[in-house]
Amino acid sequence: MHDIFLHTATVFMGFFAMMNPIGNLPVYLGMVQEYSKAEQRRIALKALFSAFLIIAVFSVFGHIIFALFGITIPAFQIAGGVIVFIIGYQLLNARDVSFHKDTCERHRKSDHDKEDIAIMPLGIPLLAGPGTISTAMNFVGSQKGMLNTVVVIGAFAVICVITYFLFISGKKITGMINPSFMKVVSRIMGLILTVIAVQMMINGLAGAYHLVLNNEI
């Protein structure tokens, strides 16, 4: 029971650090400020549902997708660790995450476009980008069994619910929180991500060594 609780807490913190709902709050508010409150709620709900669907699909069918492309779990763990490390390092240095920034800026420059911002870029890649997918796949691959998959999907669902309430209460929250505190939270999330990334790469290297040792690759 203690191991399950500890693993659940690790998965939760990993997703929370990767999604960074507090750090993404100003981005969301900037993109929906011209909409009514009802439309803002609809956009937040649709964006988070899209993100949840992507993560759930990769958590359940990720191994099948890997098999089709001949990708091993250790290879994805190493690559995912690199991606997560880059994002964590950028957050640690109080920089905008490049995976998210370019997409959001492109959207702001094309407001006349009819693109549904709830799915793109809010749902993908702001909330369910390469780093979040990598995190989910690594957590699923870290332990075998359906229970672990349920824990990963459940933890992400809880994060989505928390993010939804943060988004719809965004204007009140940003008015109450000191900007300096927001930077501190962002750096703490960055530190957590970099540590998780290093552990991902260690697990990937260990898995790769095991595959080579058993002539499985």
C-alpha atoms as a PDB file:
ATOM      1  CA  MET A   1       0.000   0.000   0.000  1.00  0.00           C
ATOM      2  CA  HIS A   2       2.839   2.379   0.877  1.00  0.00           C
ATOM      3  CA  ASP A   3       4.551   1.678  -2.468  1.00  0.00           C
ATOM      4  CA  ILE A   4       1.336   2.411  -4.398  1.00  0.00           C
ATOM      5  CA  PHE A   5       0.827   5.670  -2.512  1.00  0.00           C
ATOM      6  CA  LEU A   6       4.440   6.713  -3.114  1.00  0.00           C
ATOM      7  CA  HIS A   7       4.223   5.835  -6.807  1.00  0.00           C
ATOM      8  CA  THR A   8       0.924   7.716  -7.167  1.00  0.00           C
ATOM      9  CA  ALA A   9       2.446  10.789  -5.507  1.00  0.00           C
ATOM     10  CA  THR A  10       5.459  10.602  -7.848  1.00  0.00           C
ATOM     11  CA  VAL A  11       3.225  10.344 -10.923  1.00  0.00           C
ATOM     12  CA  PHE A  12       1.058  13.221  -9.698  1.00  0.00           C
ATOM     13  CA  MET A  13       4.019  15.513  -9.064  1.00  0.00           C
ATOM     14  CA  GLY A  14       5.585  14.575 -12.386  1.00  0.00           C
ATOM     15  CA  PHE A  15       2.438  15.475 -14.317  1.00  0.00           C
ATOM     16  CA  PHE A  16       1.883  18.627 -12.265  1.00  0.00           C
ATOM     17  CA  ALA A  17       5.415  19.811 -12.938  1.00  0.00           C
ATOM     18  CA  MET A  18       5.171  18.974 -16.644  1.00  0.00           C
ATOM     19  CA  MET A  19       1.750  20.569 -17.254  1.00  0.00           C
ATOM     20  CA  ASN A  20       2.657  23.496 -14.986  1.00  0.00           C
ATOM     21  CA  PRO A  21      -0.965  24.764 -14.732  1.00  0.00           C
ATOM     22  CA  ILE A  22       0.057  27.799 -12.666  1.00  0.00           C
ATOM     23  CA  GLY A  23       2.712  28.807 -15.185  1.00  0.00           C
ATOM     24  CA  ASN A  24       0.347  28.205 -18.123  1.00  0.00           C
ATOM     25  CA  LEU A  25      -2.453  30.219 -16.520  1.00  0.00           C
ATOM     26  CA  PRO A  26      -1.328  33.597 -17.947  1.00  0.00           C
ATOM     27  CA  VAL A  27      -1.039  32.013 -21.410  1.00  0.00           C
ATOM     28  CA  TYR A  28      -4.589  30.690 -21.192  1.00  0.00           C
ATOM     29  CA  LEU A  29      -5.972  34.012 -19.946  1.00  0.00           C
ATOM     30  CA  GLY A  30      -4.201  35.898 -22.720  1.00  0.00           C
ATOM     31  CA  MET A  31      -5.778  33.685 -25.374  1.00  0.00           C
ATOM     32  CA  VAL A  32      -9.363  33.733 -24.061  1.00  0.00           C
ATOM     33  CA  GLN A  33      -9.663  37.263 -22.694  1.00  0.00           C
ATOM     34  CA  GLU A  34     -11.885  38.377 -25.605  1.00  0.00           C
ATOM     35  CA  TYR A  35     -14.384  35.559 -24.994  1.00  0.00           C
ATOM     36  CA  SER A  36     -17.342  35.519 -22.613  1.00  0.00           C
ATOM     37  CA  LYS A  37     -17.143  33.621 -19.308  1.00  0.00           C
ATOM     38  CA  ALA A  38     -19.290  30.801 -20.719  1.00  0.00           C
ATOM     39  CA  GLU A  39     -17.014  30.475 -23.763  1.00  0.00           C
ATOM     40  CA  GLN A  40     -13.919  30.528 -21.555  1.00  0.00           C
ATOM     41  CA  ARG A  41     -15.318  27.627 -19.525  1.00  0.00           C
ATOM     42  CA  ARG A  42     -16.135  25.701 -22.706  1.00  0.00           C
ATOM     43  CA  ILE A  43     -12.654  26.289 -24.117  1.00  0.00           C
ATOM     44  CA  ALA A  44     -10.971  25.198 -20.862  1.00  0.00           C
ATOM     45  CA  LEU A  45     -13.115  22.054 -20.649  1.00  0.00           C
ATOM     46  CA  LYS A  46     -12.529  21.103 -24.288  1.00  0.00           C
ATOM     47  CA  ALA A  47      -8.779  21.750 -24.066  1.00  0.00           C
ATOM     48  CA  LEU A  48      -8.367  19.614 -20.957  1.00  0.00           C
ATOM     49  CA  PHE A  49     -10.571  16.838 -22.317  1.00  0.00           C
ATOM     50  CA  SER A  50      -8.421  16.767 -25.480  1.00  0.00           C
ATOM     51  CA  ALA A  51      -5.255  16.604 -23.388  1.00  0.00           C
ATOM     52  CA  PHE A  52      -6.695  13.809 -21.215  1.00  0.00           C
ATOM     53  CA  LEU A  53      -7.749  11.811 -24.284  1.00  0.00           C
ATOM     54  CA  ILE A  54      -4.266  12.028 -25.814  1.00  0.00           C
ATOM     55  CA  ILE A  55      -2.542  10.920 -22.605  1.00  0.00           C
ATOM     56  CA  ALA A  56      -5.050   8.106 -22.002  1.00  0.00           C
ATOM     57  CA  VAL A  57      -4.567   6.748 -25.555  1.00  0.00           C
ATOM     58  CA  PHE A  58      -0.775   6.767 -25.248  1.00  0.00           C
ATOM     59  CA  SER A  59      -0.937   5.239 -21.761  1.00  0.00           C
ATOM     60  CA  VAL A  60      -3.095   2.315 -22.947  1.00  0.00           C
ATOM     61  CA  PHE A  61      -1.980   1.821 -26.555  1.00  0.00           C
ATOM     62  CA  GLY A  62       1.486   3.337 -26.447  1.00  0.00           C
ATOM     63  CA  HIS A  63       3.201  -0.054 -26.444  1.00  0.00           C
ATOM     64  CA  ILE A  64       1.254  -1.101 -29.553  1.00  0.00           C
ATOM     65  CA  ILE A  65       2.247   2.124 -31.278  1.00  0.00           C
ATOM     66  CA  PHE A  66       5.860   1.463 -30.311  1.00  0.00           C
ATOM     67  CA  ALA A  67       5.690  -2.074 -31.667  1.00  0.00           C
ATOM     68  CA  LEU A  68       4.417  -0.814 -35.026  1.00  0.00           C
ATOM     69  CA  PHE A  69       7.393   1.524 -35.364  1.00  0.00           C
ATOM     70  CA  GLY A  70       9.936  -0.829 -33.772  1.00  0.00           C
ATOM     71  CA  ILE A  71      10.622   1.480 -30.826  1.00  0.00           C
ATOM     72  CA  THR A  72      11.799   0.065 -27.492  1.00  0.00           C
ATOM     73  CA  ILE A  73      10.744   1.401 -24.098  1.00  0.00           C
ATOM     74  CA  PRO A  74      14.357   2.180 -23.057  1.00  0.00           C
ATOM     75  CA  ALA A  75      14.847   4.254 -26.233  1.00  0.00           C
ATOM     76  CA  PHE A  76      11.709   6.258 -25.474  1.00  0.00           C
ATOM     77  CA  GLN A  77      12.736   6.632 -21.843  1.00  0.00           C
ATOM     78  CA  ILE A  78      16.078   8.120 -22.850  1.00  0.00           C
ATOM     79  CA  ALA A  79      14.569  10.381 -25.522  1.00  0.00           C
ATOM     80  CA  GLY A  80      11.724  11.363 -23.217  1.00  0.00           C
ATOM     81  CA  GLY A  81      14.196  12.104 -20.435  1.00  0.00           C
ATOM     82  CA  VAL A  82      16.091  14.461 -22.737  1.00  0.00           C
ATOM     83  CA  ILE A  83      12.860  16.282 -23.688  1.00  0.00           C
ATOM     84  CA  VAL A  84      11.725  16.569 -20.073  1.00  0.00           C
ATOM     85  CA  PHE A  85      15.190  17.746 -19.003  1.00  0.00           C
ATOM     86  CA  ILE A  86      15.160  20.540 -21.596  1.00  0.00           C
ATOM     87  CA  ILE A  87      11.729  21.732 -20.444  1.00  0.00           C
ATOM     88  CA  GLY A  88      12.727  21.489 -16.776  1.00  0.00           C
ATOM     89  CA  TYR A  89      15.976  23.380 -17.422  1.00  0.00           C
ATOM     90  CA  GLN A  90      14.085  26.177 -19.177  1.00  0.00           C
ATOM     91  CA  LEU A  91      11.632  26.443 -16.275  1.00  0.00           C
ATOM     92  CA  LEU A  92      14.518  26.365 -13.795  1.00  0.00           C
ATOM     93  CA  ASN A  93      16.028  29.378 -15.543  1.00  0.00           C
ATOM     94  CA  ALA A  94      12.649  31.169 -15.667  1.00  0.00           C
ATOM     95  CA  ARG A  95      12.383  30.928 -19.443  1.00  0.00           C
ATOM     96  CA  ASP A  96       9.314  30.252 -21.572  1.00  0.00           C
ATOM     97  CA  VAL A  97       9.167  26.639 -22.688  1.00  0.00           C
ATOM     98  CA  SER A  98       9.969  26.645 -26.411  1.00  0.00           C
ATOM     99  CA  PHE A  99       7.655  23.701 -27.137  1.00  0.00           C
ATOM    100  CA  HIS A 100       4.754  25.907 -26.072  1.00  0.00           C
ATOM    101  CA  LYS A 101       5.854  29.443 -26.806  1.00  0.00           C
ATOM    102  CA  ASP A 102       6.196  29.313 -30.579  1.00  0.00           C
ATOM    103  CA  THR A 103       2.794  27.714 -31.071  1.00  0.00           C
ATOM    104  CA  CYS A 104       1.022  30.225 -28.853  1.00  0.00           C
ATOM    105  CA  GLU A 105       2.751  33.174 -30.511  1.00  0.00           C
ATOM    106  CA  ARG A 106       1.785  31.892 -33.938  1.00  0.00           C
ATOM    107  CA  HIS A 107      -1.834  31.788 -32.801  1.00  0.00           C
ATOM    108  CA  ARG A 108      -1.773  35.347 -31.479  1.00  0.00           C
ATOM    109  CA  LYS A 109      -0.517  36.591 -34.819  1.00  0.00           C
ATOM    110  CA  SER A 110      -3.429  34.983 -36.654  1.00  0.00           C
ATOM    111  CA  ASP A 111      -6.539  35.906 -34.642  1.00  0.00           C
ATOM    112  CA  HIS A 112      -8.643  35.981 -37.818  1.00  0.00           C
ATOM    113  CA  ASP A 113      -8.068  32.262 -38.267  1.00  0.00           C
ATOM    114  CA  LYS A 114     -11.077  30.040 -37.428  1.00  0.00           C
ATOM    115  CA  GLU A 115      -8.894  27.425 -35.736  1.00  0.00           C
ATOM    116  CA  ASP A 116     -10.374  26.026 -32.525  1.00  0.00           C
ATOM    117  CA  ILE A 117      -7.913  27.175 -29.863  1.00  0.00           C
ATOM    118  CA  ALA A 118      -9.327  24.700 -27.353  1.00  0.00           C
ATOM    119  CA  ILE A 119      -7.686  21.814 -29.228  1.00  0.00           C
ATOM    120  CA  MET A 120      -4.782  23.646 -30.851  1.00  0.00           C
ATOM    121  CA  PRO A 121      -2.710  25.096 -29.265  1.00  0.00           C
ATOM    122  CA  LEU A 122      -4.248  24.827 -25.778  1.00  0.00           C
ATOM    123  CA  GLY A 123      -4.967  21.079 -25.704  1.00  0.00           C
ATOM    124  CA  ILE A 124      -2.024  20.195 -27.926  1.00  0.00           C
ATOM    125  CA  PRO A 125       0.810  21.006 -27.318  1.00  0.00           C
ATOM    126  CA  LEU A 126       0.327  23.392 -24.385  1.00  0.00           C
ATOM    127  CA  LEU A 127      -1.184  20.769 -22.071  1.00  0.00           C
ATOM    128  CA  ALA A 128      -0.446  17.451 -23.820  1.00  0.00           C
ATOM    129  CA  GLY A 129       2.804  18.158 -25.600  1.00  0.00           C
ATOM    130  CA  PRO A 130       5.805  15.895 -26.247  1.00  0.00           C
ATOM    131  CA  GLY A 131       7.004  16.261 -22.690  1.00  0.00           C
ATOM    132  CA  THR A 132       3.674  15.252 -21.135  1.00  0.00           C
ATOM    133  CA  ILE A 133       3.327  12.267 -23.475  1.00  0.00           C
ATOM    134  CA  SER A 134       6.896  11.225 -22.681  1.00  0.00           C
ATOM    135  CA  THR A 135       6.184  11.501 -18.966  1.00  0.00           C
ATOM    136  CA  ALA A 136       3.044   9.347 -19.258  1.00  0.00           C
ATOM    137  CA  MET A 137       4.801   6.669 -21.321  1.00  0.00           C
ATOM    138  CA  ASN A 138       7.726   6.536 -18.942  1.00  0.00           C
ATOM    139  CA  PHE A 139       5.487   6.169 -15.898  1.00  0.00           C
ATOM    140  CA  VAL A 140       3.470   3.423 -17.627  1.00  0.00           C
ATOM    141  CA  GLY A 141       6.667   1.628 -18.623  1.00  0.00           C
ATOM    142  CA  SER A 142       8.239   1.939 -15.179  1.00  0.00           C
ATOM    143  CA  GLN A 143       5.954  -0.760 -13.719  1.00  0.00           C
ATOM    144  CA  LYS A 144       3.998  -3.567 -15.353  1.00  0.00           C
ATOM    145  CA  GLY A 145       0.326  -4.237 -14.724  1.00  0.00           C
ATOM    146  CA  MET A 146      -3.067  -2.646 -15.322  1.00  0.00           C
ATOM    147  CA  LEU A 147      -3.040  -1.049 -11.859  1.00  0.00           C
ATOM    148  CA  ASN A 148      -0.064   1.119 -12.797  1.00  0.00           C
ATOM    149  CA  THR A 149      -1.806   2.256 -16.003  1.00  0.00           C
ATOM    150  CA  VAL A 150      -4.936   3.140 -14.010  1.00  0.00           C
ATOM    151  CA  VAL A 151      -2.794   5.100 -11.531  1.00  0.00           C
ATOM    152  CA  VAL A 152      -1.135   7.069 -14.348  1.00  0.00           C
ATOM    153  CA  ILE A 153      -4.421   7.890 -16.117  1.00  0.00           C
ATOM    154  CA  GLY A 154      -6.149   8.652 -12.795  1.00  0.00           C
ATOM    155  CA  ALA A 155      -3.376  10.977 -11.661  1.00  0.00           C
ATOM    156  CA  PHE A 156      -3.516  12.847 -14.953  1.00  0.00           C
ATOM    157  CA  ALA A 157      -7.320  13.109 -14.685  1.00  0.00           C
ATOM    158  CA  VAL A 158      -6.949  14.716 -11.243  1.00  0.00           C
ATOM    159  CA  ILE A 159      -4.404  17.171 -12.662  1.00  0.00           C
ATOM    160  CA  CYS A 160      -6.846  18.033 -15.461  1.00  0.00           C
ATOM    161  CA  VAL A 161      -9.626  18.738 -12.948  1.00  0.00           C
ATOM    162  CA  ILE A 162      -7.315  20.956 -10.870  1.00  0.00           C
ATOM    163  CA  THR A 163      -6.136  22.765 -14.008  1.00  0.00           C
ATOM    164  CA  TYR A 164      -9.738  23.351 -15.113  1.00  0.00           C
ATOM    165  CA  PHE A 165     -10.657  25.088 -11.849  1.00  0.00           C
ATOM    166  CA  LEU A 166      -7.412  27.096 -11.984  1.00  0.00           C
ATOM    167  CA  PHE A 167      -8.215  28.234 -15.524  1.00  0.00           C
ATOM    168  CA  ILE A 168     -11.823  29.263 -14.867  1.00  0.00           C
ATOM    169  CA  SER A 169     -10.732  31.094 -11.702  1.00  0.00           C
ATOM    170  CA  GLY A 170      -7.677  32.527 -13.422  1.00  0.00           C
ATOM    171  CA  LYS A 171      -8.440  36.247 -13.156  1.00  0.00           C
ATOM    172  CA  LYS A 172      -9.085  36.035  -9.408  1.00  0.00           C
ATOM    173  CA  ILE A 173      -5.957  33.910  -8.829  1.00  0.00           C
ATOM    174  CA  THR A 174      -3.557  36.107 -10.807  1.00  0.00           C
ATOM    175  CA  GLY A 175      -4.858  39.145  -8.938  1.00  0.00           C
ATOM    176  CA  MET A 176      -4.086  37.495  -5.589  1.00  0.00           C
ATOM    177  CA  ILE A 177      -0.692  35.891  -6.353  1.00  0.00           C
ATOM    178  CA  ASN A 178       2.496  37.920  -6.311  1.00  0.00           C
ATOM    179  CA  PRO A 179       4.436  37.687  -9.635  1.00  0.00           C
ATOM    180  CA  SER A 180       7.615  36.812  -7.697  1.00  0.00           C
ATOM    181  CA  PHE A 181       5.839  33.834  -6.132  1.00  0.00           C
ATOM    182  CA  MET A 182       4.805  32.646  -9.612  1.00  0.00           C
ATOM    183  CA  LYS A 183       8.477  32.656 -10.632  1.00  0.00           C
ATOM    184  CA  VAL A 184       9.469  30.690  -7.524  1.00  0.00           C
ATOM    185  CA  VAL A 185       6.786  28.058  -8.234  1.00  0.00           C
ATOM    186  CA  SER A 186       7.947  27.810 -11.847  1.00  0.00           C
ATOM    187  CA  ARG A 187      11.561  27.215 -10.766  1.00  0.00           C
ATOM    188  CA  ILE A 188      10.553  24.586  -8.221  1.00  0.00           C
ATOM    189  CA  MET A 189       8.590  22.788 -10.960  1.00  0.00           C
ATOM    190  CA  GLY A 190      11.673  23.031 -13.174  1.00  0.00           C
ATOM    191  CA  LEU A 191      13.870  21.444 -10.501  1.00  0.00           C
ATOM    192  CA  ILE A 192      11.413  18.579 -10.023  1.00  0.00           C
ATOM    193  CA  LEU A 193      11.279  18.014 -13.789  1.00  0.00           C
ATOM    194  CA  THR A 194      15.064  17.910 -14.207  1.00  0.00           C
ATOM    195  CA  VAL A 195      15.380  15.323 -11.421  1.00  0.00           C
ATOM    196  CA  ILE A 196      12.599  13.211 -12.975  1.00  0.00           C
ATOM    197  CA  ALA A 197      14.312  13.540 -16.378  1.00  0.00           C
ATOM    198  CA  VAL A 198      17.624  12.238 -15.015  1.00  0.00           C
ATOM    199  CA  GLN A 199      15.818   9.282 -13.441  1.00  0.00           C
ATOM    200  CA  MET A 200      14.089   8.588 -16.780  1.00  0.00           C
ATOM    201  CA  MET A 201      17.446   8.479 -18.562  1.00  0.00           C
ATOM    202  CA  ILE A 202      18.965   6.243 -15.868  1.00  0.00           C
ATOM    203  CA  ASN A 203      16.024   3.829 -16.222  1.00  0.00           C
ATOM    204  CA  GLY A 204      16.371   3.937 -20.010  1.00  0.00           C
ATOM    205  CA  LEU A 205      20.096   3.193 -19.929  1.00  0.00           C
ATOM    206  CA  ALA A 206      19.541   0.355 -17.469  1.00  0.00           C
ATOM    207  CA  GLY A 207      16.790  -1.059 -19.696  1.00  0.00           C
ATOM    208  CA  ALA A 208      18.962  -0.754 -22.796  1.00  0.00           C
ATOM    209  CA  TYR A 209      21.805  -2.569 -21.037  1.00  0.00           C
ATOM    210  CA  HIS A 210      19.390  -5.343 -20.089  1.00  0.00           C
ATOM    211  CA  LEU A 211      18.203  -5.698 -23.698  1.00  0.00           C
ATOM    212  CA  VAL A 212      21.760  -5.843 -25.032  1.00  0.00           C
ATOM    213  CA  LEU A 213      22.753  -8.325 -22.330  1.00  0.00           C
ATOM    214  CA  ASN A 214      19.905 -10.626 -23.361  1.00  0.00           C
ATOM    215  CA  ASN A 215      20.452 -10.086 -27.106  1.00  0.00           C
ATOM    216  CA  GLU A 216      16.947  -8.668 -27.482  1.00  0.00           C
ATOM    217  CA  ILE A 217      18.054  -5.849 -29.798  1.00  0.00           C
END
